[in-house]
Amino acid sequence: MAQQTRLLHNSWDKLGVDEIDILEIRPSVGGGFECRHVEAQLSINPVSYISRVPKALQKEEGIGANSAKKRSIVDLQQGVAEWVEKKFNKKEKTALKAQLCPGEWSKELVINVVKLPEEVALLKAAGVVVHSLRDFLQEMAKEEGPIHAASGADLVSLVSLK
């Protein structure tokens, strides 16, 4: 068991600063496993987009990746495509997920408040399942499991939102 834990830890280290928010693996009723990759963007008062300015546009116009400047639909589509690639499909992340549990992994995003609803529609069109924070927490609160308390009052308060 220690060997396996060390191997997974080393694989995680290779991702560097590029993090994965939540990976969930649970047995399915009919056998096999349900594998979920969940990212979170939980802004209360968003000043920018979820996705970054497309790399080509950053170079072309000399603007920063997180610029809040209004984007054309084409630029927004490209930014969303790059975001999905970076968050879910990057080679290192795909390799880690395959090491943890081979098979299909969901692409999910939990959001709170977003700057532009059209960006959420583009994420859904790209195959990302989008959850609202409130719905996600209510789903967590309904789940029966071995953990009945968490350290930190913040998580308990969030799960208790009505």
N, C-alpha and C. Protein backbone atom coordinates (compact mmCIF):
# COMPACT_ATOMS: atom_id res chain seq x y z
N MET A 1 0.83 -1.20 0.00
CA MET A 1 0.00 0.00 0.00
C MET A 1 0.87 1.26 0.00
N ALA A 2 1.93 1.28 0.81
CA ALA A 2 2.81 2.44 0.85
C ALA A 2 3.44 2.68 -0.52
N GLN A 3 3.82 1.60 -1.22
CA GLN A 3 4.39 1.72 -2.56
C GLN A 3 3.40 2.42 -3.50
N GLN A 4 2.14 2.00 -3.46
CA GLN A 4 1.12 2.58 -4.33
C GLN A 4 0.91 4.06 -3.98
N THR A 5 0.85 4.39 -2.70
CA THR A 5 0.66 5.77 -2.29
C THR A 5 1.82 6.63 -2.76
N ARG A 6 3.01 6.14 -2.63
CA ARG A 6 4.18 6.90 -3.05
C ARG A 6 4.13 7.14 -4.56
N LEU A 7 3.79 6.13 -5.32
CA LEU A 7 3.72 6.25 -6.77
C LEU A 7 2.72 7.33 -7.17
N LEU A 8 1.55 7.35 -6.56
CA LEU A 8 0.54 8.36 -6.89
C LEU A 8 1.02 9.74 -6.48
N HIS A 9 1.70 9.82 -5.33
CA HIS A 9 2.21 11.10 -4.86
C HIS A 9 3.25 11.64 -5.85
N ASN A 10 4.15 10.78 -6.31
CA ASN A 10 5.16 11.22 -7.27
C ASN A 10 4.52 11.69 -8.57
N SER A 11 3.49 11.00 -9.01
CA SER A 11 2.81 11.41 -10.23
C SER A 11 2.20 12.79 -10.06
N TRP A 12 1.62 13.05 -8.88
CA TRP A 12 1.00 14.35 -8.61
C TRP A 12 2.05 15.45 -8.65
N ASP A 13 3.24 15.18 -8.07
CA ASP A 13 4.30 16.18 -8.05
C ASP A 13 4.69 16.62 -9.45
N LYS A 14 4.62 15.73 -10.43
CA LYS A 14 5.02 16.04 -11.79
C LYS A 14 4.08 17.05 -12.44
N LEU A 15 2.91 17.29 -11.86
CA LEU A 15 2.00 18.28 -12.42
C LEU A 15 2.42 19.70 -12.09
N GLY A 16 3.36 19.85 -11.15
CA GLY A 16 3.85 21.17 -10.80
C GLY A 16 2.76 22.05 -10.24
N VAL A 17 2.66 23.29 -10.74
CA VAL A 17 1.66 24.23 -10.23
C VAL A 17 0.31 24.05 -10.91
N ASP A 18 0.24 23.16 -11.89
CA ASP A 18 -1.00 22.92 -12.62
C ASP A 18 -1.84 21.93 -11.83
N GLU A 19 -2.83 22.43 -11.11
CA GLU A 19 -3.58 21.59 -10.18
C GLU A 19 -4.86 21.03 -10.77
N ILE A 20 -5.35 19.99 -10.10
CA ILE A 20 -6.67 19.43 -10.37
C ILE A 20 -7.47 19.68 -9.10
N ASP A 21 -8.68 20.26 -9.23
CA ASP A 21 -9.44 20.59 -8.04
C ASP A 21 -9.98 19.34 -7.34
N ILE A 22 -10.77 18.52 -8.01
CA ILE A 22 -11.36 17.33 -7.38
C ILE A 22 -11.34 16.16 -8.35
N LEU A 23 -10.86 15.02 -7.89
CA LEU A 23 -11.00 13.76 -8.61
C LEU A 23 -11.79 12.83 -7.72
N GLU A 24 -12.83 12.23 -8.26
CA GLU A 24 -13.67 11.31 -7.49
C GLU A 24 -13.77 9.99 -8.25
N ILE A 25 -13.51 8.91 -7.53
CA ILE A 25 -13.67 7.57 -8.09
C ILE A 25 -14.56 6.81 -7.13
N ARG A 26 -15.68 6.28 -7.66
CA ARG A 26 -16.53 5.48 -6.79
C ARG A 26 -17.06 4.29 -7.57
N PRO A 27 -17.23 3.18 -6.87
CA PRO A 27 -17.74 1.98 -7.54
C PRO A 27 -19.14 2.22 -8.11
N SER A 28 -19.40 1.68 -9.31
CA SER A 28 -20.72 1.74 -9.92
C SER A 28 -21.52 0.53 -9.49
N VAL A 29 -22.84 0.65 -9.47
CA VAL A 29 -23.72 -0.44 -9.07
C VAL A 29 -23.50 -1.67 -9.94
N GLY A 30 -23.37 -1.49 -11.25
CA GLY A 30 -23.23 -2.62 -12.17
C GLY A 30 -21.80 -3.10 -12.33
N GLY A 31 -20.88 -2.64 -11.52
CA GLY A 31 -19.46 -2.98 -11.66
C GLY A 31 -18.72 -1.82 -12.30
N GLY A 32 -17.45 -1.85 -12.21
CA GLY A 32 -16.63 -0.75 -12.73
C GLY A 32 -16.65 0.44 -11.80
N PHE A 33 -16.27 1.57 -12.33
CA PHE A 33 -16.16 2.77 -11.51
C PHE A 33 -16.72 3.99 -12.24
N GLU A 34 -17.25 4.93 -11.47
CA GLU A 34 -17.62 6.24 -11.98
C GLU A 34 -16.46 7.16 -11.64
N CYS A 35 -15.91 7.80 -12.65
CA CYS A 35 -14.75 8.68 -12.45
C CYS A 35 -15.11 10.10 -12.83
N ARG A 36 -14.92 11.01 -11.89
CA ARG A 36 -15.30 12.40 -12.10
C ARG A 36 -14.09 13.30 -11.92
N HIS A 37 -13.92 14.23 -12.85
CA HIS A 37 -12.92 15.29 -12.74
C HIS A 37 -13.70 16.59 -12.63
N VAL A 38 -13.60 17.23 -11.47
CA VAL A 38 -14.39 18.43 -11.19
C VAL A 38 -13.46 19.61 -10.95
N GLU A 39 -13.69 20.67 -11.68
CA GLU A 39 -12.99 21.93 -11.45
C GLU A 39 -13.97 22.90 -10.81
N ALA A 40 -13.46 23.92 -10.14
CA ALA A 40 -14.34 24.87 -9.46
C ALA A 40 -13.92 26.30 -9.78
N GLN A 41 -14.90 27.14 -10.03
CA GLN A 41 -14.72 28.58 -10.23
C GLN A 41 -15.79 29.24 -9.39
N LEU A 42 -15.45 29.64 -8.18
CA LEU A 42 -16.46 30.00 -7.19
C LEU A 42 -16.51 31.50 -6.86
N SER A 43 -16.34 32.33 -7.84
CA SER A 43 -16.36 33.78 -7.62
C SER A 43 -17.68 34.25 -7.03
N ILE A 44 -17.58 35.23 -6.16
CA ILE A 44 -18.75 35.88 -5.59
C ILE A 44 -19.08 37.12 -6.41
N ASN A 45 -18.02 37.81 -6.87
CA ASN A 45 -18.18 39.02 -7.66
C ASN A 45 -17.14 38.98 -8.80
N PRO A 46 -17.43 38.21 -9.86
CA PRO A 46 -16.42 38.02 -10.90
C PRO A 46 -16.12 39.31 -11.67
N VAL A 47 -14.85 39.56 -11.90
CA VAL A 47 -14.44 40.72 -12.67
C VAL A 47 -13.91 40.32 -14.04
N SER A 48 -13.74 39.02 -14.26
CA SER A 48 -13.23 38.53 -15.53
C SER A 48 -13.96 37.26 -15.93
N TYR A 49 -13.52 36.66 -17.00
CA TYR A 49 -14.11 35.45 -17.52
C TYR A 49 -13.56 34.22 -16.81
N ILE A 50 -14.19 33.07 -17.01
CA ILE A 50 -13.67 31.80 -16.50
C ILE A 50 -12.43 31.44 -17.30
N SER A 51 -12.54 31.51 -18.62
CA SER A 51 -11.43 31.17 -19.50
C SER A 51 -10.49 32.36 -19.64
N ARG A 52 -9.32 32.06 -20.17
CA ARG A 52 -8.33 33.11 -20.41
C ARG A 52 -8.48 33.68 -21.82
N VAL A 53 -7.84 34.79 -22.04
CA VAL A 53 -7.75 35.34 -23.39
C VAL A 53 -6.97 34.33 -24.22
N PRO A 54 -7.44 33.99 -25.42
CA PRO A 54 -6.70 33.03 -26.25
C PRO A 54 -5.23 33.47 -26.43
N LYS A 55 -4.35 32.48 -26.45
CA LYS A 55 -2.91 32.78 -26.53
C LYS A 55 -2.56 33.63 -27.75
N ALA A 56 -3.15 33.33 -28.89
CA ALA A 56 -2.85 34.10 -30.11
C ALA A 56 -3.26 35.56 -29.94
N LEU A 57 -4.40 35.81 -29.31
CA LEU A 57 -4.87 37.18 -29.10
C LEU A 57 -3.98 37.92 -28.08
N GLN A 58 -3.50 37.19 -27.07
CA GLN A 58 -2.58 37.79 -26.11
C GLN A 58 -1.35 38.34 -26.84
N LYS A 59 -0.78 37.51 -27.71
CA LYS A 59 0.41 37.92 -28.48
C LYS A 59 0.09 39.06 -29.43
N GLU A 60 -0.99 38.89 -30.18
CA GLU A 60 -1.38 39.85 -31.22
C GLU A 60 -1.63 41.24 -30.65
N GLU A 61 -2.37 41.30 -29.53
CA GLU A 61 -2.77 42.60 -28.98
C GLU A 61 -1.96 43.01 -27.76
N GLY A 62 -1.07 42.13 -27.29
CA GLY A 62 -0.26 42.45 -26.13
C GLY A 62 -1.06 42.63 -24.86
N ILE A 63 -2.11 41.81 -24.68
CA ILE A 63 -2.94 41.91 -23.47
C ILE A 63 -2.71 40.71 -22.58
N GLY A 64 -3.02 40.86 -21.32
CA GLY A 64 -2.82 39.81 -20.35
C GLY A 64 -3.83 38.68 -20.49
N ALA A 65 -3.46 37.52 -19.98
CA ALA A 65 -4.29 36.32 -20.07
C ALA A 65 -5.64 36.48 -19.38
N ASN A 66 -5.67 37.25 -18.30
CA ASN A 66 -6.90 37.40 -17.52
C ASN A 66 -7.60 38.73 -17.76
N SER A 67 -7.34 39.34 -18.89
CA SER A 67 -7.97 40.62 -19.21
C SER A 67 -9.50 40.50 -19.17
N ALA A 68 -10.14 41.50 -18.60
CA ALA A 68 -11.60 41.53 -18.51
C ALA A 68 -12.22 42.24 -19.71
N LYS A 69 -11.37 42.67 -20.65
CA LYS A 69 -11.85 43.36 -21.85
C LYS A 69 -12.86 42.49 -22.60
N LYS A 70 -13.90 43.12 -23.14
CA LYS A 70 -14.94 42.40 -23.89
C LYS A 70 -14.30 41.62 -25.02
N ARG A 71 -14.74 40.36 -25.18
CA ARG A 71 -14.20 39.48 -26.22
C ARG A 71 -15.27 39.19 -27.27
N SER A 72 -14.81 39.01 -28.49
CA SER A 72 -15.72 38.59 -29.56
C SER A 72 -16.13 37.14 -29.29
N ILE A 73 -17.19 36.70 -29.92
CA ILE A 73 -17.65 35.32 -29.74
C ILE A 73 -16.58 34.34 -30.21
N VAL A 74 -15.86 34.67 -31.27
CA VAL A 74 -14.79 33.80 -31.78
C VAL A 74 -13.67 33.70 -30.74
N ASP A 75 -13.27 34.83 -30.16
CA ASP A 75 -12.23 34.83 -29.14
C ASP A 75 -12.69 34.08 -27.90
N LEU A 76 -13.96 34.25 -27.54
CA LEU A 76 -14.50 33.55 -26.38
C LEU A 76 -14.52 32.04 -26.63
N GLN A 77 -14.93 31.62 -27.82
CA GLN A 77 -14.92 30.19 -28.17
C GLN A 77 -13.51 29.61 -28.08
N GLN A 78 -12.54 30.34 -28.62
CA GLN A 78 -11.15 29.86 -28.59
C GLN A 78 -10.63 29.81 -27.15
N GLY A 79 -10.97 30.81 -26.36
CA GLY A 79 -10.54 30.82 -24.95
C GLY A 79 -11.13 29.65 -24.18
N VAL A 80 -12.40 29.35 -24.43
CA VAL A 80 -13.05 28.21 -23.76
C VAL A 80 -12.38 26.91 -24.20
N ALA A 81 -12.11 26.77 -25.50
CA ALA A 81 -11.45 25.55 -26.01
C ALA A 81 -10.08 25.36 -25.34
N GLU A 82 -9.32 26.44 -25.21
CA GLU A 82 -8.00 26.36 -24.56
C GLU A 82 -8.15 26.04 -23.08
N TRP A 83 -9.17 26.60 -22.43
CA TRP A 83 -9.40 26.34 -21.01
C TRP A 83 -9.73 24.87 -20.78
N VAL A 84 -10.63 24.31 -21.60
CA VAL A 84 -11.01 22.90 -21.47
C VAL A 84 -9.79 22.01 -21.68
N GLU A 85 -8.98 22.33 -22.67
CA GLU A 85 -7.76 21.55 -22.94
C GLU A 85 -6.83 21.58 -21.73
N LYS A 86 -6.61 22.78 -21.19
CA LYS A 86 -5.69 22.94 -20.05
C LYS A 86 -6.23 22.25 -18.79
N LYS A 87 -7.50 22.45 -18.49
CA LYS A 87 -8.05 21.93 -17.25
C LYS A 87 -8.32 20.43 -17.26
N PHE A 88 -8.75 19.88 -18.40
CA PHE A 88 -9.18 18.48 -18.43
C PHE A 88 -8.35 17.56 -19.30
N ASN A 89 -7.79 18.06 -20.38
CA ASN A 89 -7.17 17.18 -21.37
C ASN A 89 -5.66 17.23 -21.43
N LYS A 90 -5.04 18.03 -20.61
CA LYS A 90 -3.59 18.15 -20.62
C LYS A 90 -2.95 16.78 -20.42
N LYS A 91 -1.89 16.50 -21.14
CA LYS A 91 -1.26 15.18 -21.16
C LYS A 91 -0.95 14.64 -19.75
N GLU A 92 -0.39 15.48 -18.90
CA GLU A 92 -0.02 15.03 -17.55
C GLU A 92 -1.25 14.67 -16.71
N LYS A 93 -2.30 15.45 -16.86
CA LYS A 93 -3.53 15.18 -16.11
C LYS A 93 -4.20 13.90 -16.61
N THR A 94 -4.23 13.74 -17.93
CA THR A 94 -4.82 12.53 -18.51
C THR A 94 -4.05 11.29 -18.06
N ALA A 95 -2.72 11.39 -18.02
CA ALA A 95 -1.89 10.26 -17.58
C ALA A 95 -2.15 9.93 -16.11
N LEU A 96 -2.25 10.95 -15.28
CA LEU A 96 -2.51 10.72 -13.86
C LEU A 96 -3.87 10.05 -13.66
N LYS A 97 -4.88 10.54 -14.35
CA LYS A 97 -6.22 9.95 -14.22
C LYS A 97 -6.23 8.51 -14.70
N ALA A 98 -5.52 8.22 -15.78
CA ALA A 98 -5.44 6.84 -16.29
C ALA A 98 -4.72 5.94 -15.30
N GLN A 99 -3.74 6.48 -14.61
CA GLN A 99 -3.02 5.72 -13.59
C GLN A 99 -3.92 5.43 -12.39
N LEU A 100 -4.72 6.39 -12.01
CA LEU A 100 -5.63 6.21 -10.87
C LEU A 100 -6.75 5.24 -11.19
N CYS A 101 -7.35 5.39 -12.37
CA CYS A 101 -8.46 4.53 -12.78
C CYS A 101 -8.64 4.66 -14.30
N PRO A 102 -8.22 3.65 -15.05
CA PRO A 102 -8.39 3.73 -16.50
C PRO A 102 -9.87 3.83 -16.88
N GLY A 103 -10.14 4.53 -17.95
CA GLY A 103 -11.52 4.66 -18.43
C GLY A 103 -11.91 6.11 -18.62
N GLU A 104 -13.20 6.30 -18.83
CA GLU A 104 -13.74 7.64 -19.08
C GLU A 104 -13.86 8.43 -17.78
N TRP A 105 -13.45 9.67 -17.84
CA TRP A 105 -13.59 10.61 -16.73
C TRP A 105 -14.52 11.73 -17.17
N SER A 106 -15.43 12.12 -16.30
CA SER A 106 -16.31 13.25 -16.61
C SER A 106 -15.49 14.54 -16.61
N LYS A 107 -16.04 15.55 -17.24
CA LYS A 107 -15.48 16.90 -17.21
C LYS A 107 -16.58 17.76 -16.60
N GLU A 108 -16.35 18.23 -15.38
CA GLU A 108 -17.38 18.99 -14.67
C GLU A 108 -16.80 20.27 -14.11
N LEU A 109 -17.65 21.27 -14.00
CA LEU A 109 -17.27 22.56 -13.46
C LEU A 109 -18.35 23.01 -12.49
N VAL A 110 -17.93 23.43 -11.30
CA VAL A 110 -18.84 24.01 -10.33
C VAL A 110 -18.62 25.52 -10.37
N ILE A 111 -19.72 26.27 -10.55
CA ILE A 111 -19.63 27.73 -10.61
C ILE A 111 -20.53 28.36 -9.57
N ASN A 112 -20.20 29.57 -9.22
CA ASN A 112 -21.07 30.34 -8.35
C ASN A 112 -21.67 31.47 -9.18
N VAL A 113 -21.00 32.59 -9.28
CA VAL A 113 -21.47 33.71 -10.09
C VAL A 113 -20.48 33.88 -11.24
N VAL A 114 -20.98 34.08 -12.45
CA VAL A 114 -20.10 34.24 -13.61
C VAL A 114 -20.34 35.60 -14.27
N LYS A 115 -19.32 36.10 -14.94
CA LYS A 115 -19.42 37.39 -15.63
C LYS A 115 -20.33 37.30 -16.85
N LEU A 116 -20.21 36.19 -17.61
CA LEU A 116 -20.91 36.11 -18.88
C LEU A 116 -21.58 34.74 -19.05
N PRO A 117 -22.91 34.69 -18.98
CA PRO A 117 -23.62 33.42 -19.13
C PRO A 117 -23.33 32.71 -20.46
N GLU A 118 -23.01 33.48 -21.51
CA GLU A 118 -22.68 32.87 -22.80
C GLU A 118 -21.45 31.97 -22.69
N GLU A 119 -20.54 32.32 -21.80
CA GLU A 119 -19.34 31.49 -21.61
C GLU A 119 -19.73 30.13 -21.03
N VAL A 120 -20.70 30.12 -20.14
CA VAL A 120 -21.19 28.86 -19.56
C VAL A 120 -21.81 28.00 -20.66
N ALA A 121 -22.57 28.61 -21.55
CA ALA A 121 -23.17 27.86 -22.67
C ALA A 121 -22.08 27.25 -23.55
N LEU A 122 -21.00 27.98 -23.78
CA LEU A 122 -19.90 27.45 -24.59
C LEU A 122 -19.19 26.29 -23.88
N LEU A 123 -19.07 26.38 -22.57
CA LEU A 123 -18.46 25.29 -21.80
C LEU A 123 -19.32 24.02 -21.91
N LYS A 124 -20.63 24.20 -21.79
CA LYS A 124 -21.54 23.06 -21.93
C LYS A 124 -21.44 22.46 -23.33
N ALA A 125 -21.37 23.31 -24.35
CA ALA A 125 -21.25 22.84 -25.73
C ALA A 125 -19.94 22.09 -25.95
N ALA A 126 -18.93 22.39 -25.14
CA ALA A 126 -17.63 21.72 -25.24
C ALA A 126 -17.61 20.40 -24.45
N GLY A 127 -18.75 20.02 -23.88
CA GLY A 127 -18.84 18.75 -23.17
C GLY A 127 -18.61 18.81 -21.67
N VAL A 128 -18.57 20.02 -21.12
CA VAL A 128 -18.37 20.18 -19.69
C VAL A 128 -19.75 20.22 -19.01
N VAL A 129 -19.92 19.39 -17.99
CA VAL A 129 -21.15 19.41 -17.19
C VAL A 129 -20.97 20.53 -16.17
N VAL A 130 -21.88 21.50 -16.18
CA VAL A 130 -21.77 22.66 -15.30
C VAL A 130 -22.79 22.56 -14.19
N HIS A 131 -22.30 22.69 -12.94
CA HIS A 131 -23.16 22.65 -11.75
C HIS A 131 -23.12 24.01 -11.07
N SER A 132 -24.22 24.41 -10.47
CA SER A 132 -24.18 25.59 -9.62
C SER A 132 -23.63 25.15 -8.26
N LEU A 133 -22.96 26.04 -7.58
CA LEU A 133 -22.39 25.72 -6.27
C LEU A 133 -23.47 25.23 -5.32
N ARG A 134 -24.59 25.91 -5.30
CA ARG A 134 -25.68 25.54 -4.39
C ARG A 134 -26.15 24.11 -4.66
N ASP A 135 -26.37 23.76 -5.94
CA ASP A 135 -26.82 22.40 -6.28
C ASP A 135 -25.76 21.37 -5.92
N PHE A 136 -24.50 21.70 -6.18
CA PHE A 136 -23.41 20.78 -5.89
C PHE A 136 -23.33 20.49 -4.39
N LEU A 137 -23.45 21.53 -3.58
CA LEU A 137 -23.39 21.35 -2.12
C LEU A 137 -24.60 20.57 -1.61
N GLN A 138 -25.77 20.81 -2.19
CA GLN A 138 -26.95 20.05 -1.78
C GLN A 138 -26.78 18.57 -2.13
N GLU A 139 -26.18 18.29 -3.27
CA GLU A 139 -25.90 16.90 -3.66
C GLU A 139 -24.94 16.26 -2.65
N MET A 140 -23.90 17.00 -2.26
CA MET A 140 -22.95 16.49 -1.28
C MET A 140 -23.63 16.22 0.06
N ALA A 141 -24.51 17.10 0.48
CA ALA A 141 -25.18 16.96 1.76
C ALA A 141 -26.08 15.73 1.80
N LYS A 142 -26.65 15.33 0.65
CA LYS A 142 -27.52 14.16 0.58
C LYS A 142 -26.75 12.85 0.61
N GLU A 143 -25.51 12.87 0.16
CA GLU A 143 -24.71 11.65 0.06
C GLU A 143 -24.49 11.04 1.44
N GLU A 144 -24.74 9.75 1.53
CA GLU A 144 -24.42 9.01 2.75
C GLU A 144 -23.01 8.47 2.60
N GLY A 145 -22.21 8.61 3.59
CA GLY A 145 -20.84 8.12 3.50
C GLY A 145 -20.23 7.96 4.88
N PRO A 146 -18.99 7.51 4.92
CA PRO A 146 -18.35 7.25 6.21
C PRO A 146 -17.92 8.51 6.95
N ILE A 147 -17.88 9.66 6.27
CA ILE A 147 -17.44 10.89 6.93
C ILE A 147 -18.67 11.69 7.31
N HIS A 148 -18.83 11.96 8.59
CA HIS A 148 -20.02 12.67 9.07
C HIS A 148 -19.71 14.07 9.55
N ALA A 149 -18.43 14.43 9.60
CA ALA A 149 -18.04 15.77 10.01
C ALA A 149 -16.74 16.11 9.32
N ALA A 150 -16.49 17.39 9.16
CA ALA A 150 -15.25 17.84 8.54
C ALA A 150 -14.60 18.85 9.44
N SER A 151 -13.26 18.90 9.39
CA SER A 151 -12.60 19.93 10.17
C SER A 151 -12.81 21.25 9.45
N GLY A 152 -13.14 22.25 10.17
CA GLY A 152 -13.37 23.55 9.56
C GLY A 152 -14.85 23.84 9.45
N ALA A 153 -15.27 24.89 10.07
CA ALA A 153 -16.69 25.26 10.07
C ALA A 153 -17.14 25.74 8.70
N ASP A 154 -16.23 26.23 7.86
CA ASP A 154 -16.61 26.76 6.56
C ASP A 154 -17.29 25.72 5.70
N LEU A 155 -16.71 24.52 5.60
CA LEU A 155 -17.30 23.47 4.77
C LEU A 155 -18.67 23.08 5.30
N VAL A 156 -18.79 22.91 6.60
CA VAL A 156 -20.08 22.55 7.19
C VAL A 156 -21.10 23.64 6.90
N SER A 157 -20.71 24.90 6.98
CA SER A 157 -21.63 26.00 6.69
C SER A 157 -22.05 25.99 5.23
N LEU A 158 -21.12 25.75 4.31
CA LEU A 158 -21.45 25.70 2.89
C LEU A 158 -22.43 24.58 2.58
N VAL A 159 -22.19 23.39 3.15
CA VAL A 159 -23.06 22.25 2.88
C VAL A 159 -24.44 22.50 3.44
N SER A 160 -24.55 23.29 4.46
CA SER A 160 -25.83 23.56 5.10
C SER A 160 -26.64 24.66 4.41
N LEU A 161 -26.11 25.30 3.35
CA LEU A 161 -26.84 26.36 2.65
C LEU A 161 -28.20 25.86 2.19
N LYS A 162 -29.19 26.68 2.29
CA LYS A 162 -30.53 26.31 1.83
C LYS A 162 -30.95 27.20 0.70
